[in-house]
PDB file of N, CA and C in Angstrom:
ATOM      1  N   UNK A   1     -11.272  -9.360  18.648  1.00  0.00           N
ATOM      2  CA  UNK A   1     -11.147  -7.922  18.553  1.00  0.00           C
ATOM      3  C   UNK A   1      -9.745  -7.553  18.103  1.00  0.00           C
ATOM      4  N   UNK A   2      -9.545  -6.253  17.791  1.00  0.00           N
ATOM      5  CA  UNK A   2      -8.246  -5.750  17.356  1.00  0.00           C
ATOM      6  C   UNK A   2      -7.283  -5.651  18.524  1.00  0.00           C
ATOM      7  N   UNK A   3      -6.175  -4.996  18.292  1.00  0.00           N
ATOM      8  CA  UNK A   3      -5.162  -4.806  19.319  1.00  0.00           C
ATOM      9  C   UNK A   3      -5.657  -3.869  20.406  1.00  0.00           C
ATOM     10  N   UNK A   4      -4.792  -3.610  21.378  1.00  0.00           N
ATOM     11  CA  UNK A   4      -5.195  -2.734  22.470  1.00  0.00           C
ATOM     12  C   UNK A   4      -5.435  -1.310  21.981  1.00  0.00           C
ATOM     13  N   UNK A   5      -6.366  -0.621  22.627  1.00  0.00           N
ATOM     14  CA  UNK A   5      -6.671   0.757  22.261  1.00  0.00           C
ATOM     15  C   UNK A   5      -5.627   1.681  22.869  1.00  0.00           C
ATOM     16  N   UNK A   6      -5.406   2.823  22.225  1.00  0.00           N
ATOM     17  CA  UNK A   6      -4.459   3.787  22.765  1.00  0.00           C
ATOM     18  C   UNK A   6      -5.171   5.111  23.010  1.00  0.00           C
ATOM     19  N   UNK A   7      -4.690   5.831  23.995  1.00  0.00           N
ATOM     20  CA  UNK A   7      -5.236   7.131  24.332  1.00  0.00           C
ATOM     21  C   UNK A   7      -4.605   8.170  23.421  1.00  0.00           C
ATOM     22  N   UNK A   8      -5.430   9.029  22.808  1.00  0.00           N
ATOM     23  CA  UNK A   8      -4.926  10.047  21.897  1.00  0.00           C
ATOM     24  C   UNK A   8      -5.419  11.422  22.322  1.00  0.00           C
ATOM     25  N   UNK A   9      -4.651  12.446  21.927  1.00  0.00           N
ATOM     26  CA  UNK A   9      -5.031  13.834  22.198  1.00  0.00           C
ATOM     27  C   UNK A   9      -5.243  14.527  20.856  1.00  0.00           C
ATOM     28  N   UNK A  10      -6.364  15.213  20.738  1.00  0.00           N
ATOM     29  CA  UNK A  10      -6.679  15.934  19.509  1.00  0.00           C
ATOM     30  C   UNK A  10      -5.766  17.143  19.365  1.00  0.00           C
ATOM     31  N   UNK A  11      -5.129  17.279  18.197  1.00  0.00           N
ATOM     32  CA  UNK A  11      -4.288  18.431  17.892  1.00  0.00           C
ATOM     33  C   UNK A  11      -5.040  19.467  17.064  1.00  0.00           C
ATOM     34  N   UNK A  12      -5.974  19.021  16.238  1.00  0.00           N
ATOM     35  CA  UNK A  12      -6.759  19.947  15.437  1.00  0.00           C
ATOM     36  C   UNK A  12      -7.313  19.297  14.188  1.00  0.00           C
ATOM     37  N   UNK A  13      -8.123  20.045  13.465  1.00  0.00           N
ATOM     38  CA  UNK A  13      -8.717  19.602  12.212  1.00  0.00           C
ATOM     39  C   UNK A  13      -8.219  20.493  11.090  1.00  0.00           C
ATOM     40  N   UNK A  14      -8.140  19.921   9.895  1.00  0.00           N
ATOM     41  CA  UNK A  14      -7.695  20.642   8.713  1.00  0.00           C
ATOM     42  C   UNK A  14      -8.552  20.203   7.534  1.00  0.00           C
ATOM     43  N   UNK A  15      -8.851  21.146   6.642  1.00  0.00           N
ATOM     44  CA  UNK A  15      -9.529  20.801   5.394  1.00  0.00           C
ATOM     45  C   UNK A  15      -8.495  20.799   4.285  1.00  0.00           C
ATOM     46  N   UNK A  16      -8.386  19.679   3.578  1.00  0.00           N
ATOM     47  CA  UNK A  16      -7.440  19.566   2.474  1.00  0.00           C
ATOM     48  C   UNK A  16      -8.015  20.229   1.222  1.00  0.00           C
ATOM     49  N   UNK A  17      -7.176  20.466   0.235  1.00  0.00           N
ATOM     50  CA  UNK A  17      -7.602  21.096  -1.017  1.00  0.00           C
ATOM     51  C   UNK A  17      -8.701  20.295  -1.717  1.00  0.00           C
ATOM     52  N   UNK A  18      -8.718  18.979  -1.511  1.00  0.00           N
ATOM     53  CA  UNK A  18      -9.728  18.122  -2.146  1.00  0.00           C
ATOM     54  C   UNK A  18     -11.068  18.172  -1.418  1.00  0.00           C
ATOM     55  N   UNK A  19     -11.112  18.829  -0.246  1.00  0.00           N
ATOM     56  CA  UNK A  19     -12.354  18.946   0.510  1.00  0.00           C
ATOM     57  C   UNK A  19     -12.462  17.993   1.683  1.00  0.00           C
ATOM     58  N   UNK A  20     -11.536  17.051   1.798  1.00  0.00           N
ATOM     59  CA  UNK A  20     -11.575  16.107   2.915  1.00  0.00           C
ATOM     60  C   UNK A  20     -11.159  16.801   4.216  1.00  0.00           C
ATOM     61  N   UNK A  21     -11.787  16.399   5.312  1.00  0.00           N
ATOM     62  CA  UNK A  21     -11.454  16.927   6.627  1.00  0.00           C
ATOM     63  C   UNK A  21     -10.583  15.906   7.341  1.00  0.00           C
ATOM     64  N   UNK A  22      -9.422  16.359   7.818  1.00  0.00           N
ATOM     65  CA  UNK A  22      -8.461  15.494   8.493  1.00  0.00           C
ATOM     66  C   UNK A  22      -8.377  15.894   9.957  1.00  0.00           C
ATOM     67  N   UNK A  23      -8.432  14.902  10.833  1.00  0.00           N
ATOM     68  CA  UNK A  23      -8.202  15.119  12.259  1.00  0.00           C
ATOM     69  C   UNK A  23      -6.796  14.661  12.597  1.00  0.00           C
ATOM     70  N   UNK A  24      -6.030  15.526  13.273  1.00  0.00           N
ATOM     71  CA  UNK A  24      -4.672  15.162  13.679  1.00  0.00           C
ATOM     72  C   UNK A  24      -4.669  14.878  15.171  1.00  0.00           C
ATOM     73  N   UNK A  25      -4.050  13.752  15.539  1.00  0.00           N
ATOM     74  CA  UNK A  25      -4.023  13.290  16.920  1.00  0.00           C
ATOM     75  C   UNK A  25      -2.608  12.901  17.316  1.00  0.00           C
ATOM     76  N   UNK A  26      -2.313  12.966  18.602  1.00  0.00           N
ATOM     77  CA  UNK A  26      -1.028  12.499  19.123  1.00  0.00           C
ATOM     78  C   UNK A  26      -1.318  11.413  20.147  1.00  0.00           C
ATOM     79  N   UNK A  27      -0.674  10.235  19.956  1.00  0.00           N
ATOM     80  CA  UNK A  27      -0.805   9.152  20.923  1.00  0.00           C
ATOM     81  C   UNK A  27      -0.081   9.557  22.198  1.00  0.00           C
ATOM     82  N   UNK A  28      -0.759   9.434  23.327  1.00  0.00           N
ATOM     83  CA  UNK A  28      -0.193   9.877  24.596  1.00  0.00           C
ATOM     84  C   UNK A  28       1.017   9.026  24.991  1.00  0.00           C
ATOM     85  N   UNK A  29       0.950   7.735  24.820  1.00  0.00           N
ATOM     86  CA  UNK A  29       2.019   6.837  25.276  1.00  0.00           C
ATOM     87  C   UNK A  29       3.300   6.960  24.454  1.00  0.00           C
ATOM     88  N   UNK A  30       3.160   7.199  23.144  1.00  0.00           N
ATOM     89  CA  UNK A  30       4.338   7.171  22.270  1.00  0.00           C
ATOM     90  C   UNK A  30       4.689   8.526  21.655  1.00  0.00           C
ATOM     91  N   UNK A  31       3.819   9.517  21.799  1.00  0.00           N
ATOM     92  CA  UNK A  31       3.965  10.844  21.188  1.00  0.00           C
ATOM     93  C   UNK A  31       3.959  10.792  19.666  1.00  0.00           C
ATOM     94  N   UNK A  32       3.523   9.682  19.093  1.00  0.00           N
ATOM     95  CA  UNK A  32       3.422   9.553  17.640  1.00  0.00           C
ATOM     96  C   UNK A  32       2.203  10.329  17.148  1.00  0.00           C
ATOM     97  N   UNK A  33       2.370  11.080  16.057  1.00  0.00           N
ATOM     98  CA  UNK A  33       1.266  11.830  15.487  1.00  0.00           C
ATOM     99  C   UNK A  33       0.575  10.992  14.421  1.00  0.00           C
ATOM    100  N   UNK A  34      -0.759  10.995  14.456  1.00  0.00           N
ATOM    101  CA  UNK A  34      -1.562  10.207  13.530  1.00  0.00           C
ATOM    102  C   UNK A  34      -2.623  11.124  12.927  1.00  0.00           C
ATOM    103  N   UNK A  35      -2.873  10.971  11.628  1.00  0.00           N
ATOM    104  CA  UNK A  35      -3.898  11.766  10.949  1.00  0.00           C
ATOM    105  C   UNK A  35      -4.930  10.824  10.343  1.00  0.00           C
ATOM    106  N   UNK A  36      -6.197  11.121  10.571  1.00  0.00           N
ATOM    107  CA  UNK A  36      -7.300  10.316  10.055  1.00  0.00           C
ATOM    108  C   UNK A  36      -8.196  11.180   9.186  1.00  0.00           C
ATOM    109  N   UNK A  37      -8.750  10.591   8.140  1.00  0.00           N
ATOM    110  CA  UNK A  37      -9.780  11.264   7.362  1.00  0.00           C
ATOM    111  C   UNK A  37     -11.062  11.182   8.183  1.00  0.00           C
ATOM    112  N   UNK A  38     -11.548  12.335   8.631  1.00  0.00           N
ATOM    113  CA  UNK A  38     -12.780  12.377   9.420  1.00  0.00           C
ATOM    114  C   UNK A  38     -14.002  12.387   8.505  1.00  0.00           C
ATOM    115  N   UNK A  39     -13.922  13.174   7.441  1.00  0.00           N
ATOM    116  CA  UNK A  39     -14.998  13.263   6.443  1.00  0.00           C
ATOM    117  C   UNK A  39     -14.388  13.388   5.064  1.00  0.00           C
ATOM    118  N   UNK A  40     -14.917  12.626   4.116  1.00  0.00           N
ATOM    119  CA  UNK A  40     -14.431  12.696   2.739  1.00  0.00           C
ATOM    120  C   UNK A  40     -15.109  13.857   2.026  1.00  0.00           C
ATOM    121  N   UNK A  41     -14.318  14.618   1.288  1.00  0.00           N
ATOM    122  CA  UNK A  41     -14.858  15.744   0.535  1.00  0.00           C
ATOM    123  C   UNK A  41     -15.769  15.275  -0.585  1.00  0.00           C
ATOM    124  N   UNK A  42     -16.814  16.018  -0.859  1.00  0.00           N
ATOM    125  CA  UNK A  42     -17.784  15.659  -1.904  1.00  0.00           C
ATOM    126  C   UNK A  42     -17.106  15.548  -3.265  1.00  0.00           C
ATOM    127  N   UNK A  43     -16.154  16.431  -3.550  1.00  0.00           N
ATOM    128  CA  UNK A  43     -15.470  16.455  -4.842  1.00  0.00           C
ATOM    129  C   UNK A  43     -14.221  15.577  -4.893  1.00  0.00           C
ATOM    130  N   UNK A  44     -13.809  14.965  -3.768  1.00  0.00           N
ATOM    131  CA  UNK A  44     -12.557  14.211  -3.704  1.00  0.00           C
ATOM    132  C   UNK A  44     -12.626  12.934  -4.535  1.00  0.00           C
ATOM    133  N   UNK A  45     -11.594  12.724  -5.362  1.00  0.00           N
ATOM    134  CA  UNK A  45     -11.537  11.531  -6.205  1.00  0.00           C
ATOM    135  C   UNK A  45     -10.415  10.579  -5.779  1.00  0.00           C
ATOM    136  N   UNK A  46      -9.740  10.899  -4.672  1.00  0.00           N
ATOM    137  CA  UNK A  46      -8.616  10.075  -4.219  1.00  0.00           C
ATOM    138  C   UNK A  46      -9.113   8.848  -3.452  1.00  0.00           C
ATOM    139  N   UNK A  47      -8.795   7.670  -3.964  1.00  0.00           N
ATOM    140  CA  UNK A  47      -9.227   6.437  -3.318  1.00  0.00           C
ATOM    141  C   UNK A  47      -8.616   6.278  -1.919  1.00  0.00           C
ATOM    142  N   UNK A  48      -7.408   6.803  -1.719  1.00  0.00           N
ATOM    143  CA  UNK A  48      -6.736   6.675  -0.422  1.00  0.00           C
ATOM    144  C   UNK A  48      -7.429   7.482   0.669  1.00  0.00           C
ATOM    145  N   UNK A  49      -8.256   8.446   0.302  1.00  0.00           N
ATOM    146  CA  UNK A  49      -8.987   9.234   1.297  1.00  0.00           C
ATOM    147  C   UNK A  49     -10.308   8.540   1.605  1.00  0.00           C
ATOM    148  N   UNK A  50     -10.268   7.706   2.638  1.00  0.00           N
ATOM    149  CA  UNK A  50     -11.467   6.983   3.076  1.00  0.00           C
ATOM    150  C   UNK A  50     -11.743   7.347   4.521  1.00  0.00           C
ATOM    151  N   UNK A  51     -13.004   7.573   4.828  1.00  0.00           N
ATOM    152  CA  UNK A  51     -13.406   7.990   6.175  1.00  0.00           C
ATOM    153  C   UNK A  51     -12.892   6.993   7.217  1.00  0.00           C
ATOM    154  N   UNK A  52     -12.364   7.527   8.332  1.00  0.00           N
ATOM    155  CA  UNK A  52     -11.840   6.760   9.467  1.00  0.00           C
ATOM    156  C   UNK A  52     -10.589   5.959   9.137  1.00  0.00           C
ATOM    157  N   UNK A  53      -9.892   6.322   8.072  1.00  0.00           N
ATOM    158  CA  UNK A  53      -8.629   5.682   7.729  1.00  0.00           C
ATOM    159  C   UNK A  53      -7.501   6.701   7.873  1.00  0.00           C
ATOM    160  N   UNK A  54      -6.318   6.199   8.150  1.00  0.00           N
ATOM    161  CA  UNK A  54      -5.171   7.091   8.293  1.00  0.00           C
ATOM    162  C   UNK A  54      -4.761   7.648   6.935  1.00  0.00           C
ATOM    163  N   UNK A  55      -4.108   8.788   6.989  1.00  0.00           N
ATOM    164  CA  UNK A  55      -3.595   9.435   5.792  1.00  0.00           C
ATOM    165  C   UNK A  55      -2.159   9.841   6.091  1.00  0.00           C
ATOM    166  N   UNK A  56      -1.322   9.880   5.072  1.00  0.00           N
ATOM    167  CA  UNK A  56       0.080  10.247   5.259  1.00  0.00           C
ATOM    168  C   UNK A  56       0.194  11.629   5.874  1.00  0.00           C
ATOM    169  N   UNK A  57       1.127  11.789   6.788  1.00  0.00           N
ATOM    170  CA  UNK A  57       1.306  13.063   7.492  1.00  0.00           C
ATOM    171  C   UNK A  57       1.603  14.196   6.526  1.00  0.00           C
ATOM    172  N   UNK A  58       2.286  13.928   5.412  1.00  0.00           N
ATOM    173  CA  UNK A  58       2.635  14.974   4.444  1.00  0.00           C
ATOM    174  C   UNK A  58       1.384  15.607   3.853  1.00  0.00           C
ATOM    175  N   UNK A  59       0.391  14.802   3.485  1.00  0.00           N
ATOM    176  CA  UNK A  59      -0.815  15.377   2.899  1.00  0.00           C
ATOM    177  C   UNK A  59      -1.697  16.021   3.958  1.00  0.00           C
ATOM    178  N   UNK A  60      -1.597  15.572   5.203  1.00  0.00           N
ATOM    179  CA  UNK A  60      -2.391  16.160   6.272  1.00  0.00           C
ATOM    180  C   UNK A  60      -1.824  17.497   6.720  1.00  0.00           C
ATOM    181  N   UNK A  61      -0.571  17.765   6.405  1.00  0.00           N
ATOM    182  CA  UNK A  61       0.041  19.022   6.839  1.00  0.00           C
ATOM    183  C   UNK A  61       0.010  20.084   5.736  1.00  0.00           C
ATOM    184  N   UNK A  62      -0.681  19.818   4.639  1.00  0.00           N
ATOM    185  CA  UNK A  62      -0.798  20.789   3.553  1.00  0.00           C
ATOM    186  C   UNK A  62      -2.259  21.226   3.435  1.00  0.00           C
ATOM    187  N   UNK A  63      -2.742  21.986   4.417  1.00  0.00           N
ATOM    188  CA  UNK A  63      -4.175  22.328   4.447  1.00  0.00           C
ATOM    189  C   UNK A  63      -4.554  23.417   3.457  1.00  0.00           C
ATOM    190  N   UNK A  64      -5.819  23.429   3.091  1.00  0.00           N
ATOM    191  CA  UNK A  64      -6.370  24.544   2.333  1.00  0.00           C
ATOM    192  C   UNK A  64      -6.908  25.566   3.323  1.00  0.00           C
ATOM    193  N   UNK A  65      -7.554  25.080   4.366  1.00  0.00           N
ATOM    194  CA  UNK A  65      -8.139  25.943   5.389  1.00  0.00           C
ATOM    195  C   UNK A  65      -8.011  25.253   6.734  1.00  0.00           C
ATOM    196  N   UNK A  66      -7.638  25.982   7.750  1.00  0.00           N
ATOM    197  CA  UNK A  66      -7.584  25.409   9.095  1.00  0.00           C
ATOM    198  C   UNK A  66      -8.927  25.639   9.744  1.00  0.00           C
ATOM    199  N   UNK A  67      -9.565  24.560  10.221  1.00  0.00           N
ATOM    200  CA  UNK A  67     -10.895  24.664  10.816  1.00  0.00           C
ATOM    201  C   UNK A  67     -10.852  24.897  12.308  1.00  0.00           C
ATOM    202  N   UNK A  68      -9.881  24.340  12.986  1.00  0.00           N
ATOM    203  CA  UNK A  68      -9.808  24.484  14.437  1.00  0.00           C
ATOM    204  C   UNK A  68      -8.368  24.647  14.845  1.00  0.00           C
ATOM    205  N   UNK A  69      -8.145  25.506  15.786  1.00  0.00           N
ATOM    206  CA  UNK A  69      -6.791  25.701  16.288  1.00  0.00           C
ATOM    207  C   UNK A  69      -6.393  24.515  17.141  1.00  0.00           C
ATOM    208  N   UNK A  70      -5.124  24.461  17.472  1.00  0.00           N
ATOM    209  CA  UNK A  70      -4.602  23.377  18.289  1.00  0.00           C
ATOM    210  C   UNK A  70      -5.343  23.309  19.623  1.00  0.00           C
ATOM    211  N   UNK A  71      -5.788  22.129  19.975  1.00  0.00           N
ATOM    212  CA  UNK A  71      -6.474  21.922  21.247  1.00  0.00           C
ATOM    213  C   UNK A  71      -5.456  21.773  22.363  1.00  0.00           C
ATOM    214  N   UNK A  72      -5.816  22.242  23.548  1.00  0.00           N
ATOM    215  CA  UNK A  72      -4.878  22.094  24.667  1.00  0.00           C
ATOM    216  C   UNK A  72      -5.473  21.273  25.777  1.00  0.00           C
TER     217      UNK A  72
END
């Protein structure tokens, strides 16, 4: 199996201009923020946007539409 699992807290979801939905999470132990592609947009042509893979924080913070507010 892979490395140890970490506990994360959901910060919110964002839809990128390409149509991909990104989930932003914060690791509880390290406070590191991580962004994952939750769903790939139908029109998206970016190979780096793959479902369940991380995406650079810069592209995850440039949303087209915010789908959910910050979770508490």
